[in-house]
Amino acid sequence: MVGEIFGTLVVIIAVAFLVETLVEALFGRVVDHIPVLKPYKWALFYVAVAVGILGAFVYQFDLIYLLAKAMETPILKTEFGITITGIAIGMGSVYIHQFISKFFPSKDQRELLTLENKPQ
């Protein structure tokens, strides 16, 4: 189960990276080369978020569900969870990495937290 969870997290990071870089490569270059579109470069963020949401629904990615599964909490995949996962994917791989680092600590971090919480 842990391998499945972390495998899915790695795929989500990869998709976030791909969305981030491909939106910039495909749409960012168009905006850079067409002067009339330059004032709308801010919209690339929203294009990436839309693509991220679409990808999350296609692949049924739900970070809330994965977090609950890792904690053995009975929460089902939901459209809300998939949507906010898609928004996170659209925000980019750095954002997803920060989320994962915070809520899915490495084995060393978990051991350190366990030692810190033991009574002396």
PDB file of N, CA and C in Angstrom:
ATOM      1  N   MET A   1       0.814  -1.189   0.000  1.00  0.00           N
ATOM      2  CA  MET A   1       0.000   0.000   0.000  1.00  0.00           C
ATOM      3  C   MET A   1       0.863   1.261   0.000  1.00  0.00           C
ATOM      4  N   VAL A   2       1.914   1.304   0.821  1.00  0.00           N
ATOM      5  CA  VAL A   2       2.781   2.478   0.895  1.00  0.00           C
ATOM      6  C   VAL A   2       3.456   2.719  -0.452  1.00  0.00           C
ATOM      7  N   GLY A   3       3.896   1.636  -1.091  1.00  0.00           N
ATOM      8  CA  GLY A   3       4.521   1.766  -2.407  1.00  0.00           C
ATOM      9  C   GLY A   3       3.559   2.346  -3.438  1.00  0.00           C
ATOM     10  N   GLU A   4       2.311   1.925  -3.371  1.00  0.00           N
ATOM     11  CA  GLU A   4       1.288   2.440  -4.288  1.00  0.00           C
ATOM     12  C   GLU A   4       1.048   3.935  -4.050  1.00  0.00           C
ATOM     13  N   ILE A   5       0.983   4.326  -2.790  1.00  0.00           N
ATOM     14  CA  ILE A   5       0.754   5.733  -2.453  1.00  0.00           C
ATOM     15  C   ILE A   5       1.908   6.587  -2.957  1.00  0.00           C
ATOM     16  N   PHE A   6       3.134   6.197  -2.617  1.00  0.00           N
ATOM     17  CA  PHE A   6       4.282   7.005  -3.026  1.00  0.00           C
ATOM     18  C   PHE A   6       4.512   6.939  -4.535  1.00  0.00           C
ATOM     19  N   GLY A   7       4.187   5.824  -5.145  1.00  0.00           N
ATOM     20  CA  GLY A   7       4.262   5.748  -6.606  1.00  0.00           C
ATOM     21  C   GLY A   7       3.311   6.736  -7.258  1.00  0.00           C
ATOM     22  N   THR A   8       2.093   6.825  -6.721  1.00  0.00           N
ATOM     23  CA  THR A   8       1.110   7.786  -7.242  1.00  0.00           C
ATOM     24  C   THR A   8       1.586   9.217  -7.014  1.00  0.00           C
ATOM     25  N   LEU A   9       2.187   9.484  -5.857  1.00  0.00           N
ATOM     26  CA  LEU A   9       2.708  10.822  -5.578  1.00  0.00           C
ATOM     27  C   LEU A   9       3.809  11.211  -6.568  1.00  0.00           C
ATOM     28  N   VAL A  10       4.669  10.270  -6.904  1.00  0.00           N
ATOM     29  CA  VAL A  10       5.730  10.540  -7.883  1.00  0.00           C
ATOM     30  C   VAL A  10       5.121  10.852  -9.250  1.00  0.00           C
ATOM     31  N   VAL A  11       4.098  10.111  -9.630  1.00  0.00           N
ATOM     32  CA  VAL A  11       3.427  10.382 -10.906  1.00  0.00           C
ATOM     33  C   VAL A  11       2.775  11.769 -10.880  1.00  0.00           C
ATOM     34  N   ILE A  12       2.165  12.137  -9.760  1.00  0.00           N
ATOM     35  CA  ILE A  12       1.541  13.461  -9.647  1.00  0.00           C
ATOM     36  C   ILE A  12       2.593  14.562  -9.787  1.00  0.00           C
ATOM     37  N   ILE A  13       3.758  14.375  -9.168  1.00  0.00           N
ATOM     38  CA  ILE A  13       4.843  15.356  -9.320  1.00  0.00           C
ATOM     39  C   ILE A  13       5.271  15.443 -10.781  1.00  0.00           C
ATOM     40  N   ALA A  14       5.385  14.294 -11.440  1.00  0.00           N
ATOM     41  CA  ALA A  14       5.783  14.285 -12.848  1.00  0.00           C
ATOM     42  C   ALA A  14       4.751  15.000 -13.718  1.00  0.00           C
ATOM     43  N   VAL A  15       3.477  14.750 -13.468  1.00  0.00           N
ATOM     44  CA  VAL A  15       2.419  15.416 -14.232  1.00  0.00           C
ATOM     45  C   VAL A  15       2.450  16.919 -13.969  1.00  0.00           C
ATOM     46  N   ALA A  16       2.661  17.317 -12.717  1.00  0.00           N
ATOM     47  CA  ALA A  16       2.748  18.743 -12.397  1.00  0.00           C
ATOM     48  C   ALA A  16       3.905  19.396 -13.137  1.00  0.00           C
ATOM     49  N   PHE A  17       5.040  18.722 -13.159  1.00  0.00           N
ATOM     50  CA  PHE A  17       6.204  19.239 -13.897  1.00  0.00           C
ATOM     51  C   PHE A  17       5.889  19.354 -15.378  1.00  0.00           C
ATOM     52  N   LEU A  18       5.278  18.315 -15.941  1.00  0.00           N
ATOM     53  CA  LEU A  18       4.933  18.338 -17.367  1.00  0.00           C
ATOM     54  C   LEU A  18       3.940  19.444 -17.694  1.00  0.00           C
ATOM     55  N   VAL A  19       2.912  19.589 -16.866  1.00  0.00           N
ATOM     56  CA  VAL A  19       1.919  20.643 -17.106  1.00  0.00           C
ATOM     57  C   VAL A  19       2.600  22.011 -17.060  1.00  0.00           C
ATOM     58  N   GLU A  20       3.385  22.220 -16.028  1.00  0.00           N
ATOM     59  CA  GLU A  20       4.072  23.504 -15.846  1.00  0.00           C
ATOM     60  C   GLU A  20       4.969  23.828 -17.045  1.00  0.00           C
ATOM     61  N   THR A  21       5.796  22.876 -17.452  1.00  0.00           N
ATOM     62  CA  THR A  21       6.746  23.144 -18.532  1.00  0.00           C
ATOM     63  C   THR A  21       6.082  23.171 -19.908  1.00  0.00           C
ATOM     64  N   LEU A  22       5.109  22.305 -20.135  1.00  0.00           N
ATOM     65  CA  LEU A  22       4.475  22.276 -21.452  1.00  0.00           C
ATOM     66  C   LEU A  22       3.574  23.478 -21.704  1.00  0.00           C
ATOM     67  N   VAL A  23       2.870  23.932 -20.676  1.00  0.00           N
ATOM     68  CA  VAL A  23       2.054  25.147 -20.847  1.00  0.00           C
ATOM     69  C   VAL A  23       2.964  26.320 -21.182  1.00  0.00           C
ATOM     70  N   GLU A  24       4.079  26.420 -20.470  1.00  0.00           N
ATOM     71  CA  GLU A  24       5.022  27.502 -20.764  1.00  0.00           C
ATOM     72  C   GLU A  24       5.616  27.343 -22.164  1.00  0.00           C
ATOM     73  N   ALA A  25       5.979  26.121 -22.534  1.00  0.00           N
ATOM     74  CA  ALA A  25       6.583  25.894 -23.845  1.00  0.00           C
ATOM     75  C   ALA A  25       5.594  26.149 -24.979  1.00  0.00           C
ATOM     76  N   LEU A  26       4.365  25.700 -24.822  1.00  0.00           N
ATOM     77  CA  LEU A  26       3.390  25.833 -25.902  1.00  0.00           C
ATOM     78  C   LEU A  26       2.730  27.206 -25.944  1.00  0.00           C
ATOM     79  N   PHE A  27       2.249  27.663 -24.796  1.00  0.00           N
ATOM     80  CA  PHE A  27       1.502  28.918 -24.773  1.00  0.00           C
ATOM     81  C   PHE A  27       2.388  30.118 -24.446  1.00  0.00           C
ATOM     82  N   GLY A  28       3.376  29.913 -23.575  1.00  0.00           N
ATOM     83  CA  GLY A  28       4.275  31.007 -23.209  1.00  0.00           C
ATOM     84  C   GLY A  28       5.044  31.543 -24.400  1.00  0.00           C
ATOM     85  N   ARG A  29       5.493  30.664 -25.244  1.00  0.00           N
ATOM     86  CA  ARG A  29       6.239  31.097 -26.446  1.00  0.00           C
ATOM     87  C   ARG A  29       5.341  31.840 -27.419  1.00  0.00           C
ATOM     88  N   VAL A  30       4.104  31.396 -27.517  1.00  0.00           N
ATOM     89  CA  VAL A  30       3.163  32.103 -28.394  1.00  0.00           C
ATOM     90  C   VAL A  30       2.973  33.531 -27.886  1.00  0.00           C
ATOM     91  N   VAL A  31       2.756  33.657 -26.578  1.00  0.00           N
ATOM     92  CA  VAL A  31       2.570  34.987 -25.984  1.00  0.00           C
ATOM     93  C   VAL A  31       3.823  35.840 -26.164  1.00  0.00           C
ATOM     94  N   ASP A  32       4.990  35.239 -26.026  1.00  0.00           N
ATOM     95  CA  ASP A  32       6.243  35.984 -26.180  1.00  0.00           C
ATOM     96  C   ASP A  32       6.455  36.483 -27.607  1.00  0.00           C
ATOM     97  N   HIS A  33       5.927  35.756 -28.592  1.00  0.00           N
ATOM     98  CA  HIS A  33       6.175  36.106 -30.005  1.00  0.00           C
ATOM     99  C   HIS A  33       5.049  36.894 -30.664  1.00  0.00           C
ATOM    100  N   ILE A  34       3.946  37.058 -29.975  1.00  0.00           N
ATOM    101  CA  ILE A  34       2.841  37.851 -30.519  1.00  0.00           C
ATOM    102  C   ILE A  34       2.625  39.029 -29.576  1.00  0.00           C
ATOM    103  N   PRO A  35       3.139  40.197 -29.972  1.00  0.00           N
ATOM    104  CA  PRO A  35       3.118  41.356 -29.069  1.00  0.00           C
ATOM    105  C   PRO A  35       1.732  41.706 -28.511  1.00  0.00           C
ATOM    106  N   VAL A  36       0.682  41.525 -29.277  1.00  0.00           N
ATOM    107  CA  VAL A  36      -0.657  41.882 -28.799  1.00  0.00           C
ATOM    108  C   VAL A  36      -1.106  40.989 -27.633  1.00  0.00           C
ATOM    109  N   LEU A  37      -0.499  39.829 -27.484  1.00  0.00           N
ATOM    110  CA  LEU A  37      -0.865  38.907 -26.408  1.00  0.00           C
ATOM    111  C   LEU A  37      -0.060  39.119 -25.129  1.00  0.00           C
ATOM    112  N   LYS A  38       1.034  39.872 -25.187  1.00  0.00           N
ATOM    113  CA  LYS A  38       1.907  40.045 -24.013  1.00  0.00           C
ATOM    114  C   LYS A  38       1.171  40.540 -22.770  1.00  0.00           C
ATOM    115  N   PRO A  39       0.210  41.465 -22.904  1.00  0.00           N
ATOM    116  CA  PRO A  39      -0.501  41.891 -21.681  1.00  0.00           C
ATOM    117  C   PRO A  39      -1.297  40.763 -21.007  1.00  0.00           C
ATOM    118  N   TYR A  40      -1.500  39.668 -21.708  1.00  0.00           N
ATOM    119  CA  TYR A  40      -2.296  38.555 -21.172  1.00  0.00           C
ATOM    120  C   TYR A  40      -1.441  37.386 -20.691  1.00  0.00           C
ATOM    121  N   LYS A  41      -0.154  37.615 -20.549  1.00  0.00           N
ATOM    122  CA  LYS A  41       0.737  36.534 -20.113  1.00  0.00           C
ATOM    123  C   LYS A  41       0.336  36.017 -18.728  1.00  0.00           C
ATOM    124  N   TRP A  42      -0.270  36.862 -17.914  1.00  0.00           N
ATOM    125  CA  TRP A  42      -0.732  36.445 -16.593  1.00  0.00           C
ATOM    126  C   TRP A  42      -1.718  35.284 -16.670  1.00  0.00           C
ATOM    127  N   ALA A  43      -2.410  35.148 -17.804  1.00  0.00           N
ATOM    128  CA  ALA A  43      -3.422  34.101 -17.960  1.00  0.00           C
ATOM    129  C   ALA A  43      -2.808  32.707 -18.098  1.00  0.00           C
ATOM    130  N   LEU A  44      -1.496  32.631 -18.330  1.00  0.00           N
ATOM    131  CA  LEU A  44      -0.852  31.317 -18.457  1.00  0.00           C
ATOM    132  C   LEU A  44      -1.027  30.493 -17.183  1.00  0.00           C
ATOM    133  N   PHE A  45      -1.033  31.164 -16.047  1.00  0.00           N
ATOM    134  CA  PHE A  45      -1.258  30.464 -14.779  1.00  0.00           C
ATOM    135  C   PHE A  45      -2.599  29.737 -14.805  1.00  0.00           C
ATOM    136  N   TYR A  46      -3.616  30.408 -15.300  1.00  0.00           N
ATOM    137  CA  TYR A  46      -4.963  29.828 -15.329  1.00  0.00           C
ATOM    138  C   TYR A  46      -5.085  28.733 -16.390  1.00  0.00           C
ATOM    139  N   VAL A  47      -4.334  28.860 -17.459  1.00  0.00           N
ATOM    140  CA  VAL A  47      -4.292  27.783 -18.459  1.00  0.00           C
ATOM    141  C   VAL A  47      -3.685  26.547 -17.817  1.00  0.00           C
ATOM    142  N   ALA A  48      -2.586  26.739 -17.072  1.00  0.00           N
ATOM    143  CA  ALA A  48      -1.935  25.607 -16.397  1.00  0.00           C
ATOM    144  C   ALA A  48      -2.865  24.973 -15.373  1.00  0.00           C
ATOM    145  N   VAL A  49      -3.602  25.788 -14.626  1.00  0.00           N
ATOM    146  CA  VAL A  49      -4.542  25.253 -13.635  1.00  0.00           C
ATOM    147  C   VAL A  49      -5.646  24.459 -14.331  1.00  0.00           C
ATOM    148  N   ALA A  50      -6.163  24.978 -15.435  1.00  0.00           N
ATOM    149  CA  ALA A  50      -7.214  24.263 -16.178  1.00  0.00           C
ATOM    150  C   ALA A  50      -6.695  22.925 -16.693  1.00  0.00           C
ATOM    151  N   VAL A  51      -5.481  22.924 -17.218  1.00  0.00           N
ATOM    152  CA  VAL A  51      -4.879  21.674 -17.711  1.00  0.00           C
ATOM    153  C   VAL A  51      -4.645  20.721 -16.536  1.00  0.00           C
ATOM    154  N   GLY A  52      -4.204  21.259 -15.400  1.00  0.00           N
ATOM    155  CA  GLY A  52      -3.993  20.431 -14.211  1.00  0.00           C
ATOM    156  C   GLY A  52      -5.278  19.783 -13.727  1.00  0.00           C
ATOM    157  N   ILE A  53      -6.360  20.554 -13.706  1.00  0.00           N
ATOM    158  CA  ILE A  53      -7.656  20.002 -13.294  1.00  0.00           C
ATOM    159  C   ILE A  53      -8.110  18.919 -14.270  1.00  0.00           C
ATOM    160  N   LEU A  54      -7.976  19.195 -15.554  1.00  0.00           N
ATOM    161  CA  LEU A  54      -8.348  18.196 -16.557  1.00  0.00           C
ATOM    162  C   LEU A  54      -7.540  16.920 -16.355  1.00  0.00           C
ATOM    163  N   GLY A  55      -6.233  17.054 -16.174  1.00  0.00           N
ATOM    164  CA  GLY A  55      -5.380  15.883 -15.958  1.00  0.00           C
ATOM    165  C   GLY A  55      -5.737  15.122 -14.698  1.00  0.00           C
ATOM    166  N   ALA A  56      -6.056  15.849 -13.635  1.00  0.00           N
ATOM    167  CA  ALA A  56      -6.434  15.182 -12.377  1.00  0.00           C
ATOM    168  C   ALA A  56      -7.707  14.368 -12.557  1.00  0.00           C
ATOM    169  N   PHE A  57      -8.658  14.886 -13.332  1.00  0.00           N
ATOM    170  CA  PHE A  57      -9.886  14.125 -13.582  1.00  0.00           C
ATOM    171  C   PHE A  57      -9.627  12.937 -14.504  1.00  0.00           C
ATOM    172  N   VAL A  58      -8.788  13.131 -15.505  1.00  0.00           N
ATOM    173  CA  VAL A  58      -8.486  12.023 -16.424  1.00  0.00           C
ATOM    174  C   VAL A  58      -7.853  10.860 -15.660  1.00  0.00           C
ATOM    175  N   TYR A  59      -6.880  11.185 -14.787  1.00  0.00           N
ATOM    176  CA  TYR A  59      -6.157  10.138 -14.061  1.00  0.00           C
ATOM    177  C   TYR A  59      -6.723   9.852 -12.665  1.00  0.00           C
ATOM    178  N   GLN A  60      -7.770  10.595 -12.272  1.00  0.00           N
ATOM    179  CA  GLN A  60      -8.414  10.411 -10.970  1.00  0.00           C
ATOM    180  C   GLN A  60      -7.421  10.600  -9.810  1.00  0.00           C
ATOM    181  N   PHE A  61      -6.598  11.656  -9.894  1.00  0.00           N
ATOM    182  CA  PHE A  61      -5.656  11.986  -8.829  1.00  0.00           C
ATOM    183  C   PHE A  61      -6.391  12.761  -7.736  1.00  0.00           C
ATOM    184  N   ASP A  62      -6.257  12.315  -6.505  1.00  0.00           N
ATOM    185  CA  ASP A  62      -6.877  12.981  -5.360  1.00  0.00           C
ATOM    186  C   ASP A  62      -5.889  12.917  -4.195  1.00  0.00           C
ATOM    187  N   LEU A  63      -5.194  14.036  -3.940  1.00  0.00           N
ATOM    188  CA  LEU A  63      -4.201  14.065  -2.873  1.00  0.00           C
ATOM    189  C   LEU A  63      -4.828  13.865  -1.492  1.00  0.00           C
ATOM    190  N   ILE A  64      -6.040  14.356  -1.298  1.00  0.00           N
ATOM    191  CA  ILE A  64      -6.720  14.176  -0.012  1.00  0.00           C
ATOM    192  C   ILE A  64      -6.969  12.687   0.238  1.00  0.00           C
ATOM    193  N   TYR A  65      -7.424  11.993  -0.794  1.00  0.00           N
ATOM    194  CA  TYR A  65      -7.647  10.547  -0.698  1.00  0.00           C
ATOM    195  C   TYR A  65      -6.340   9.818  -0.381  1.00  0.00           C
ATOM    196  N   LEU A  66      -5.241  10.206  -1.050  1.00  0.00           N
ATOM    197  CA  LEU A  66      -3.951   9.556  -0.797  1.00  0.00           C
ATOM    198  C   LEU A  66      -3.467   9.806   0.623  1.00  0.00           C
ATOM    199  N   LEU A  67      -3.650  11.037   1.099  1.00  0.00           N
ATOM    200  CA  LEU A  67      -3.263  11.358   2.464  1.00  0.00           C
ATOM    201  C   LEU A  67      -4.081  10.529   3.455  1.00  0.00           C
ATOM    202  N   ALA A  68      -5.376  10.441   3.220  1.00  0.00           N
ATOM    203  CA  ALA A  68      -6.239   9.636   4.091  1.00  0.00           C
ATOM    204  C   ALA A  68      -5.855   8.163   4.041  1.00  0.00           C
ATOM    205  N   LYS A  69      -5.530   7.685   2.852  1.00  0.00           N
ATOM    206  CA  LYS A  69      -5.135   6.286   2.697  1.00  0.00           C
ATOM    207  C   LYS A  69      -3.835   6.009   3.459  1.00  0.00           C
ATOM    208  N   ALA A  70      -2.896   6.953   3.401  1.00  0.00           N
ATOM    209  CA  ALA A  70      -1.631   6.782   4.119  1.00  0.00           C
ATOM    210  C   ALA A  70      -1.861   6.744   5.628  1.00  0.00           C
ATOM    211  N   MET A  71      -2.897   7.445   6.100  1.00  0.00           N
ATOM    212  CA  MET A  71      -3.220   7.471   7.529  1.00  0.00           C
ATOM    213  C   MET A  71      -4.265   6.427   7.893  1.00  0.00           C
ATOM    214  N   GLU A  72      -4.620   5.598   6.912  1.00  0.00           N
ATOM    215  CA  GLU A  72      -5.619   4.551   7.107  1.00  0.00           C
ATOM    216  C   GLU A  72      -6.941   5.115   7.599  1.00  0.00           C
ATOM    217  N   THR A  73      -7.340   6.237   6.985  1.00  0.00           N
ATOM    218  CA  THR A  73      -8.610   6.894   7.283  1.00  0.00           C
ATOM    219  C   THR A  73      -9.559   6.634   6.125  1.00  0.00           C
ATOM    220  N   PRO A  74     -10.784   6.230   6.394  1.00  0.00           N
ATOM    221  CA  PRO A  74     -11.703   5.860   5.315  1.00  0.00           C
ATOM    222  C   PRO A  74     -12.341   7.064   4.615  1.00  0.00           C
ATOM    223  N   ILE A  75     -11.573   7.704   3.752  1.00  0.00           N
ATOM    224  CA  ILE A  75     -12.095   8.814   2.945  1.00  0.00           C
ATOM    225  C   ILE A  75     -12.032   8.374   1.484  1.00  0.00           C
ATOM    226  N   LEU A  76     -13.124   8.571   0.778  1.00  0.00           N
ATOM    227  CA  LEU A  76     -13.196   8.188  -0.629  1.00  0.00           C
ATOM    228  C   LEU A  76     -12.681   9.298  -1.524  1.00  0.00           C
ATOM    229  N   LYS A  77     -12.353   8.939  -2.759  1.00  0.00           N
ATOM    230  CA  LYS A  77     -12.028   9.951  -3.758  1.00  0.00           C
ATOM    231  C   LYS A  77     -13.279  10.778  -4.009  1.00  0.00           C
ATOM    232  N   THR A  78     -13.085  12.087  -4.154  1.00  0.00           N
ATOM    233  CA  THR A  78     -14.219  12.965  -4.414  1.00  0.00           C
ATOM    234  C   THR A  78     -13.875  13.927  -5.538  1.00  0.00           C
ATOM    235  N   GLU A  79     -14.896  14.510  -6.136  1.00  0.00           N
ATOM    236  CA  GLU A  79     -14.660  15.518  -7.170  1.00  0.00           C
ATOM    237  C   GLU A  79     -13.956  16.731  -6.581  1.00  0.00           C
ATOM    238  N   PHE A  80     -14.267  17.069  -5.335  1.00  0.00           N
ATOM    239  CA  PHE A  80     -13.592  18.176  -4.678  1.00  0.00           C
ATOM    240  C   PHE A  80     -12.094  17.895  -4.543  1.00  0.00           C
ATOM    241  N   GLY A  81     -11.758  16.714  -4.041  1.00  0.00           N
ATOM    242  CA  GLY A  81     -10.351  16.332  -3.881  1.00  0.00           C
ATOM    243  C   GLY A  81      -9.613  16.309  -5.207  1.00  0.00           C
ATOM    244  N   ILE A  82     -10.269  15.801  -6.240  1.00  0.00           N
ATOM    245  CA  ILE A  82      -9.657  15.759  -7.566  1.00  0.00           C
ATOM    246  C   ILE A  82      -9.464  17.174  -8.098  1.00  0.00           C
ATOM    247  N   THR A  83     -10.447  18.046  -7.868  1.00  0.00           N
ATOM    248  CA  THR A  83     -10.339  19.431  -8.348  1.00  0.00           C
ATOM    249  C   THR A  83      -9.201  20.166  -7.663  1.00  0.00           C
ATOM    250  N   ILE A  84      -9.101  20.073  -6.333  1.00  0.00           N
ATOM    251  CA  ILE A  84      -8.016  20.798  -5.674  1.00  0.00           C
ATOM    252  C   ILE A  84      -6.658  20.177  -5.993  1.00  0.00           C
ATOM    253  N   THR A  85      -6.632  18.885  -6.254  1.00  0.00           N
ATOM    254  CA  THR A  85      -5.389  18.264  -6.709  1.00  0.00           C
ATOM    255  C   THR A  85      -5.012  18.818  -8.076  1.00  0.00           C
ATOM    256  N   GLY A  86      -5.991  18.977  -8.953  1.00  0.00           N
ATOM    257  CA  GLY A  86      -5.728  19.561 -10.269  1.00  0.00           C
ATOM    258  C   GLY A  86      -5.218  20.985 -10.174  1.00  0.00           C
ATOM    259  N   ILE A  87      -5.783  21.762  -9.251  1.00  0.00           N
ATOM    260  CA  ILE A  87      -5.296  23.132  -9.048  1.00  0.00           C
ATOM    261  C   ILE A  87      -3.843  23.089  -8.588  1.00  0.00           C
ATOM    262  N   ALA A  88      -3.539  22.198  -7.656  1.00  0.00           N
ATOM    263  CA  ALA A  88      -2.167  22.057  -7.172  1.00  0.00           C
ATOM    264  C   ALA A  88      -1.229  21.638  -8.302  1.00  0.00           C
ATOM    265  N   ILE A  89      -1.674  20.714  -9.144  1.00  0.00           N
ATOM    266  CA  ILE A  89      -0.867  20.289 -10.293  1.00  0.00           C
ATOM    267  C   ILE A  89      -0.603  21.486 -11.203  1.00  0.00           C
ATOM    268  N   GLY A  90      -1.635  22.267 -11.455  1.00  0.00           N
ATOM    269  CA  GLY A  90      -1.475  23.440 -12.302  1.00  0.00           C
ATOM    270  C   GLY A  90      -0.541  24.484 -11.719  1.00  0.00           C
ATOM    271  N   MET A  91      -0.444  24.528 -10.397  1.00  0.00           N
ATOM    272  CA  MET A  91       0.450  25.485  -9.751  1.00  0.00           C
ATOM    273  C   MET A  91       1.911  25.062  -9.889  1.00  0.00           C
ATOM    274  N   GLY A  92       2.140  23.824 -10.245  1.00  0.00           N
ATOM    275  CA  GLY A  92       3.499  23.397 -10.559  1.00  0.00           C
ATOM    276  C   GLY A  92       4.079  22.366  -9.621  1.00  0.00           C
ATOM    277  N   SER A  93       5.197  21.814 -10.060  1.00  0.00           N
ATOM    278  CA  SER A  93       5.839  20.723  -9.340  1.00  0.00           C
ATOM    279  C   SER A  93       6.433  21.178  -8.009  1.00  0.00           C
ATOM    280  N   VAL A  94       6.878  22.426  -7.906  1.00  0.00           N
ATOM    281  CA  VAL A  94       7.432  22.916  -6.642  1.00  0.00           C
ATOM    282  C   VAL A  94       6.341  22.919  -5.572  1.00  0.00           C
ATOM    283  N   TYR A  95       5.154  23.378  -5.930  1.00  0.00           N
ATOM    284  CA  TYR A  95       4.035  23.410  -4.992  1.00  0.00           C
ATOM    285  C   TYR A  95       3.680  21.996  -4.537  1.00  0.00           C
ATOM    286  N   ILE A  96       3.589  21.073  -5.480  1.00  0.00           N
ATOM    287  CA  ILE A  96       3.260  19.676  -5.149  1.00  0.00           C
ATOM    288  C   ILE A  96       4.337  19.089  -4.247  1.00  0.00           C
ATOM    289  N   HIS A  97       5.610  19.371  -4.545  1.00  0.00           N
ATOM    290  CA  HIS A  97       6.704  18.848  -3.730  1.00  0.00           C
ATOM    291  C   HIS A  97       6.605  19.365  -2.298  1.00  0.00           C
ATOM    292  N   GLN A  98       6.270  20.644  -2.123  1.00  0.00           N
ATOM    293  CA  GLN A  98       6.104  21.205  -0.786  1.00  0.00           C
ATOM    294  C   GLN A  98       4.963  20.508  -0.040  1.00  0.00           C
ATOM    295  N   PHE A  99       3.859  20.265  -0.732  1.00  0.00           N
ATOM    296  CA  PHE A  99       2.726  19.576  -0.125  1.00  0.00           C
ATOM    297  C   PHE A  99       3.137  18.180   0.332  1.00  0.00           C
ATOM    298  N   ILE A 100       3.793  17.449  -0.541  1.00  0.00           N
ATOM    299  CA  ILE A 100       4.183  16.076  -0.223  1.00  0.00           C
ATOM    300  C   ILE A 100       5.189  16.055   0.922  1.00  0.00           C
ATOM    301  N   SER A 101       6.158  16.960   0.906  1.00  0.00           N
ATOM    302  CA  SER A 101       7.154  17.004   1.975  1.00  0.00           C
ATOM    303  C   SER A 101       6.514  17.290   3.326  1.00  0.00           C
ATOM    304  N   LYS A 102       5.472  18.102   3.321  1.00  0.00           N
ATOM    305  CA  LYS A 102       4.804  18.453   4.578  1.00  0.00           C
ATOM    306  C   LYS A 102       3.932  17.323   5.108  1.00  0.00           C
ATOM    307  N   PHE A 103       3.184  16.687   4.227  1.00  0.00           N
ATOM    308  CA  PHE A 103       2.204  15.699   4.676  1.00  0.00           C
ATOM    309  C   PHE A 103       2.643  14.244   4.533  1.00  0.00           C
ATOM    310  N   PHE A 104       3.697  13.990   3.776  1.00  0.00           N
ATOM    311  CA  PHE A 104       4.215  12.644   3.604  1.00  0.00           C
ATOM    312  C   PHE A 104       5.720  12.668   3.916  1.00  0.00           C
ATOM    313  N   PRO A 105       6.078  12.793   5.207  1.00  0.00           N
ATOM    314  CA  PRO A 105       7.496  12.911   5.558  1.00  0.00           C
ATOM    315  C   PRO A 105       8.270  11.650   5.196  1.00  0.00           C
ATOM    316  N   SER A 106       9.571  11.838   4.949  1.00  0.00           N
ATOM    317  CA  SER A 106      10.429  10.699   4.634  1.00  0.00           C
ATOM    318  C   SER A 106      10.551   9.791   5.861  1.00  0.00           C
ATOM    319  N   LYS A 107      11.097   8.610   5.655  1.00  0.00           N
ATOM    320  CA  LYS A 107      11.254   7.646   6.746  1.00  0.00           C
ATOM    321  C   LYS A 107      12.114   8.248   7.856  1.00  0.00           C
ATOM    322  N   ASP A 108      13.186   8.950   7.501  1.00  0.00           N
ATOM    323  CA  ASP A 108      14.056   9.575   8.504  1.00  0.00           C
ATOM    324  C   ASP A 108      13.301  10.633   9.297  1.00  0.00           C
ATOM    325  N   GLN A 109      12.489  11.432   8.620  1.00  0.00           N
ATOM    326  CA  GLN A 109      11.712  12.461   9.309  1.00  0.00           C
ATOM    327  C   GLN A 109      10.690  11.825  10.251  1.00  0.00           C
ATOM    328  N   ARG A 110      10.052  10.727   9.814  1.00  0.00           N
ATOM    329  CA  ARG A 110       9.074  10.039  10.670  1.00  0.00           C
ATOM    330  C   ARG A 110       9.752   9.477  11.919  1.00  0.00           C
ATOM    331  N   GLU A 111      10.957   8.887  11.749  1.00  0.00           N
ATOM    332  CA  GLU A 111      11.680   8.344  12.894  1.00  0.00           C
ATOM    333  C   GLU A 111      12.072   9.450  13.868  1.00  0.00           C
ATOM    334  N   LEU A 112      12.500  10.598  13.342  1.00  0.00           N
ATOM    335  CA  LEU A 112      12.861  11.723  14.186  1.00  0.00           C
ATOM    336  C   LEU A 112      11.646  12.223  14.963  1.00  0.00           C
ATOM    337  N   LEU A 113      10.490  12.330  14.290  1.00  0.00           N
ATOM    338  CA  LEU A 113       9.267  12.763  14.967  1.00  0.00           C
ATOM    339  C   LEU A 113       8.867  11.771  16.053  1.00  0.00           C
ATOM    340  N   THR A 114       9.041  10.482  15.802  1.00  0.00           N
ATOM    341  CA  THR A 114       8.705   9.446  16.778  1.00  0.00           C
ATOM    342  C   THR A 114       9.593   9.578  18.008  1.00  0.00           C
ATOM    343  N   LEU A 115      10.898   9.800  17.782  1.00  0.00           N
ATOM    344  CA  LEU A 115      11.821   9.951  18.903  1.00  0.00           C
ATOM    345  C   LEU A 115      11.515  11.205  19.723  1.00  0.00           C
ATOM    346  N   GLU A 116      11.139  12.294  19.037  1.00  0.00           N
ATOM    347  CA  GLU A 116      10.829  13.539  19.724  1.00  0.00           C
ATOM    348  C   GLU A 116       9.562  13.423  20.567  1.00  0.00           C
ATOM    349  N   ASN A 117       8.625  12.581  20.153  1.00  0.00           N
ATOM    350  CA  ASN A 117       7.353  12.456  20.867  1.00  0.00           C
ATOM    351  C   ASN A 117       7.354  11.406  21.970  1.00  0.00           C
ATOM    352  N   LYS A 118       8.457  10.656  22.116  1.00  0.00           N
ATOM    353  CA  LYS A 118       8.521   9.645  23.177  1.00  0.00           C
ATOM    354  C   LYS A 118       8.758  10.336  24.522  1.00  0.00           C
ATOM    355  N   PRO A 119       8.083   9.833  25.572  1.00  0.00           N
ATOM    356  CA  PRO A 119       8.331  10.398  26.908  1.00  0.00           C
ATOM    357  C   PRO A 119       9.752  10.105  27.349  1.00  0.00           C
ATOM    358  N   GLN A 120      10.317  11.029  28.051  1.00  0.00           N
ATOM    359  CA  GLN A 120      11.713  10.914  28.496  1.00  0.00           C
ATOM    360  C   GLN A 120      11.827  10.168  29.786  1.00  0.00           C
TER     361      GLN A 120
END
